[in-house]
Amino acid sequence: MTEQVKSSETNRREALKKIAAGAGGVVSLPILGQAAVTPAMARAACAHPAGPEAGAPDPDWKPLFFDDHQNQTVIALSDLILPATDTPGAKEALVNRFIDLLLNEESEDRKRRFIEGLASMDGRSLERHGKPFVELTADQQTGLLTPLADPENHDPSDKAGVEFFSEIKDYTIFGYYTSKMGMEQELQYAGDDYHTECPGACTHPEHQT
């Protein structure tokens, strides 16, 4: 690997960290991100395609809401928001299928707004690179998303993109941390454990009641 390639990879990792941090930071979130949980989000979590109770992924799965291009764009975006590290990322956790299920249950206004947001990503991509978002290199995709991930970005021309990125980031975080992979491997959540006594409780007689 040349020094130039190494530098490019380092720059991209740093940009991805900024994207993931966005409004509030993924690492600081317990499970559900910063989004207000809508009824549709709650229903989608219960039927998560990669949830704790889900079986093997359906090899014949087809989107309920997205067309194929929209689905591929959601895969690319969600995987940039939560890429695989030493644990699986959004793509492996089938976050795109969760978002498709969620939006199929959402209001018409939310559906329209999300589709317009996806289209705007392709618009920015075509304007700057002459290709739709999914056909860009990882560096180009990251470059497009980085200013949109900044909640302090008040550029009027970026307003719609900032709002869309915030929405898809919340959906991605929610979908990931309600998946089996996100809960068990990232959060190391093993279920509703209980203890017959408080672990680490003081055993000095003078402190007992």
Protein backbone atom coordinates (compact mmCIF):
# COMPACT_ATOMS: atom_id res chain seq x y z
CA MET A 1 0.00 0.00 0.00
CA THR A 2 1.49 3.34 -1.03
CA GLU A 3 1.74 6.27 1.33
CA GLN A 4 -0.86 8.11 -0.76
CA VAL A 5 -3.34 5.24 -0.38
CA LYS A 6 -2.63 5.02 3.34
CA SER A 7 -3.27 8.74 3.69
CA SER A 8 -6.51 8.42 1.72
CA GLU A 9 -7.73 5.58 3.95
CA THR A 10 -6.85 7.54 7.10
CA ASN A 11 -8.69 10.61 5.84
CA ARG A 12 -11.73 8.53 4.97
CA ARG A 13 -11.81 6.86 8.41
CA GLU A 14 -11.63 10.26 10.08
CA ALA A 15 -14.44 11.57 7.88
CA LEU A 16 -16.55 8.51 8.69
CA LYS A 17 -16.04 9.18 12.39
CA LYS A 18 -17.41 12.69 11.87
CA ILE A 19 -20.37 11.30 9.93
CA ALA A 20 -21.16 8.78 12.63
CA ALA A 21 -20.80 11.38 15.38
CA GLY A 22 -23.14 13.80 13.62
CA ALA A 23 -25.80 15.17 15.95
CA GLY A 24 -24.98 13.70 19.32
CA GLY A 25 -22.67 10.84 18.43
CA VAL A 26 -23.40 7.17 17.90
CA VAL A 27 -21.07 6.01 20.64
CA SER A 28 -22.80 8.06 23.31
CA LEU A 29 -26.25 6.72 22.44
CA PRO A 30 -27.53 3.82 24.54
CA ILE A 31 -29.69 2.03 21.95
CA LEU A 32 -32.26 4.12 20.17
CA GLY A 33 -30.48 7.24 18.95
CA GLN A 34 -31.95 10.69 19.36
CA ALA A 35 -35.12 10.11 17.37
CA ALA A 36 -38.58 10.22 18.88
CA VAL A 37 -39.87 6.66 18.52
CA THR A 38 -42.96 6.64 16.34
CA PRO A 39 -45.56 3.84 16.45
CA ALA A 40 -44.27 2.66 13.09
CA MET A 41 -40.72 2.43 14.48
CA ALA A 42 -41.96 0.36 17.41
CA ARG A 43 -43.86 -2.00 15.09
CA ALA A 44 -40.88 -2.34 12.78
CA ALA A 45 -38.61 -3.14 15.72
CA CYS A 46 -40.91 -6.00 16.73
CA ALA A 47 -40.78 -7.42 13.20
CA HIS A 48 -37.10 -6.57 12.56
CA PRO A 49 -35.79 -8.77 9.70
CA ALA A 50 -32.58 -9.26 11.70
CA GLY A 51 -34.05 -8.94 15.19
CA PRO A 52 -33.27 -11.21 18.15
CA GLU A 53 -36.19 -13.51 17.30
CA ALA A 54 -35.67 -13.51 13.53
CA GLY A 55 -34.51 -16.59 11.69
CA ALA A 56 -32.05 -16.78 8.81
CA PRO A 57 -32.28 -13.88 6.33
CA ASP A 58 -34.71 -14.50 3.49
CA PRO A 59 -32.61 -15.01 0.32
CA ASP A 60 -35.62 -14.04 -1.80
CA TRP A 61 -36.37 -10.83 0.10
CA LYS A 62 -37.80 -7.97 -1.92
CA PRO A 63 -38.45 -4.41 -0.65
CA LEU A 64 -41.99 -3.56 0.35
CA PHE A 65 -41.54 0.17 -0.11
CA PHE A 66 -38.32 0.98 -1.97
CA ASP A 67 -37.51 0.27 -5.58
CA ASP A 68 -34.19 -1.50 -6.20
CA HIS A 69 -32.16 1.68 -6.74
CA GLN A 70 -33.58 3.31 -3.61
CA ASN A 71 -32.80 0.17 -1.61
CA GLN A 72 -29.19 0.12 -2.84
CA THR A 73 -28.83 3.80 -1.93
CA VAL A 74 -30.12 3.12 1.59
CA ILE A 75 -27.62 0.24 1.94
CA ALA A 76 -24.77 2.55 0.90
CA LEU A 77 -25.84 5.38 3.20
CA SER A 78 -26.51 3.23 6.26
CA ASP A 79 -23.21 1.39 5.82
CA LEU A 80 -21.35 4.70 5.78
CA ILE A 81 -23.14 5.77 8.94
CA LEU A 82 -22.37 2.51 10.78
CA PRO A 83 -19.61 0.67 8.91
CA ALA A 84 -18.30 -2.71 9.96
CA THR A 85 -15.35 -2.58 12.36
CA ASP A 86 -14.46 -5.48 14.65
CA THR A 87 -18.24 -6.01 14.83
CA PRO A 88 -20.72 -6.12 11.92
CA GLY A 89 -22.04 -2.87 10.50
CA ALA A 90 -25.42 -1.69 9.25
CA LYS A 91 -25.23 -3.71 6.03
CA GLU A 92 -24.69 -6.99 7.86
CA ALA A 93 -27.47 -6.13 10.32
CA LEU A 94 -29.90 -5.70 7.37
CA VAL A 95 -30.69 -2.14 8.40
CA ASN A 96 -31.93 -1.42 4.88
CA ARG A 97 -34.64 -4.07 5.32
CA PHE A 98 -35.62 -2.56 8.65
CA ILE A 99 -35.91 0.92 7.13
CA ASP A 100 -37.96 -0.47 4.23
CA LEU A 101 -40.32 -2.17 6.68
CA LEU A 102 -40.50 0.96 8.81
CA LEU A 103 -41.33 3.30 5.96
CA ASN A 104 -43.95 0.91 4.62
CA GLU A 105 -45.73 1.52 7.95
CA GLU A 106 -45.10 5.26 8.16
CA SER A 107 -47.35 8.18 7.24
CA GLU A 108 -47.55 9.36 3.65
CA ASP A 109 -45.78 12.58 4.65
CA ARG A 110 -42.80 10.72 6.11
CA LYS A 111 -42.68 8.42 3.08
CA ARG A 112 -42.64 11.36 0.69
CA ARG A 113 -40.04 13.24 2.70
CA PHE A 114 -37.69 10.26 2.83
CA ILE A 115 -37.95 9.52 -0.90
CA GLU A 116 -37.31 13.18 -1.67
CA GLY A 117 -34.25 12.98 0.59
CA LEU A 118 -32.90 9.96 -1.28
CA ALA A 119 -33.48 11.73 -4.58
CA SER A 120 -31.65 14.79 -3.30
CA MET A 121 -28.59 12.64 -2.54
CA ASP A 122 -28.54 11.49 -6.14
CA GLY A 123 -29.06 15.08 -7.25
CA ARG A 124 -26.00 16.27 -5.30
CA SER A 125 -24.02 13.31 -6.58
CA LEU A 126 -24.96 13.87 -10.24
CA GLU A 127 -24.23 17.59 -9.96
CA ARG A 128 -20.76 17.10 -8.51
CA HIS A 129 -19.63 13.79 -9.99
CA GLY A 130 -21.97 12.96 -12.86
CA LYS A 131 -23.03 9.68 -11.27
CA PRO A 132 -25.73 8.52 -8.83
CA PHE A 133 -24.61 8.13 -5.21
CA VAL A 134 -24.26 4.34 -5.29
CA GLU A 135 -21.79 4.54 -8.18
CA LEU A 136 -19.39 6.89 -6.41
CA THR A 137 -16.19 5.78 -4.75
CA ALA A 138 -16.22 5.52 -0.96
CA ASP A 139 -14.16 8.71 -0.74
CA GLN A 140 -16.60 10.59 -2.96
CA GLN A 141 -19.59 9.34 -0.96
CA THR A 142 -17.93 10.39 2.27
CA GLY A 143 -17.11 13.80 0.83
CA LEU A 144 -20.76 14.37 -0.06
CA LEU A 145 -22.04 13.30 3.34
CA THR A 146 -19.55 15.03 5.62
CA PRO A 147 -21.06 18.56 5.44
CA LEU A 148 -24.56 17.10 5.79
CA ALA A 149 -23.53 15.30 8.99
CA ASP A 150 -22.67 18.60 10.67
CA PRO A 151 -25.66 19.84 12.72
CA GLU A 152 -24.00 23.26 12.83
CA ASN A 153 -24.13 23.52 9.03
CA HIS A 154 -26.59 26.37 8.40
CA ASP A 155 -25.91 26.77 4.68
CA PRO A 156 -29.38 27.19 3.10
CA SER A 157 -28.35 25.04 0.13
CA ASP A 158 -27.57 22.15 2.52
CA LYS A 159 -30.65 22.51 4.73
CA ALA A 160 -32.70 19.71 3.13
CA GLY A 161 -29.68 17.42 3.03
CA VAL A 162 -28.83 18.04 6.70
CA GLU A 163 -32.41 17.25 7.70
CA PHE A 164 -32.50 14.09 5.58
CA PHE A 165 -29.16 12.88 6.90
CA SER A 166 -30.36 13.37 10.48
CA GLU A 167 -33.45 11.29 9.71
CA ILE A 168 -31.67 8.40 8.01
CA LYS A 169 -29.00 8.44 10.74
CA ASP A 170 -31.69 8.04 13.41
CA TYR A 171 -33.36 5.24 11.45
CA THR A 172 -30.01 3.51 10.93
CA ILE A 173 -29.06 3.72 14.60
CA PHE A 174 -32.50 2.51 15.69
CA GLY A 175 -32.45 -0.34 13.18
CA TYR A 176 -28.94 -1.41 14.09
CA TYR A 177 -29.33 -1.37 17.85
CA THR A 178 -32.62 -3.28 17.71
CA SER A 179 -31.04 -6.00 15.53
CA LYS A 180 -29.59 -9.20 16.96
CA MET A 181 -26.09 -8.20 15.83
CA GLY A 182 -26.32 -4.73 17.32
CA MET A 183 -27.74 -5.89 20.62
CA GLU A 184 -25.59 -8.96 21.20
CA GLN A 185 -22.28 -8.10 19.54
CA GLU A 186 -22.07 -4.32 19.86
CA LEU A 187 -23.97 -3.79 23.12
CA GLN A 188 -23.26 -7.29 24.46
CA TYR A 189 -26.88 -7.47 25.62
CA ALA A 190 -27.74 -11.01 26.67
CA GLY A 191 -31.41 -10.58 27.48
CA ASP A 192 -33.36 -9.79 30.61
CA ASP A 193 -30.94 -11.18 33.19
CA TYR A 194 -31.76 -10.82 36.86
CA HIS A 195 -29.90 -11.35 40.13
CA THR A 196 -31.22 -12.80 43.36
CA GLU A 197 -29.02 -10.30 45.19
CA CYS A 198 -27.25 -7.13 44.25
CA PRO A 199 -23.82 -7.94 42.74
CA GLY A 200 -21.04 -6.26 44.66
CA ALA A 201 -23.26 -5.38 47.63
CA CYS A 202 -21.52 -4.52 50.86
CA THR A 203 -21.22 -7.51 53.22
CA HIS A 204 -20.00 -5.74 56.37
CA PRO A 205 -22.32 -6.69 59.28
CA GLU A 206 -22.52 -3.12 60.54
CA HIS A 207 -24.01 -2.05 57.22
CA GLN A 208 -26.70 -4.72 57.08
CA THR A 209 -30.32 -4.02 57.98
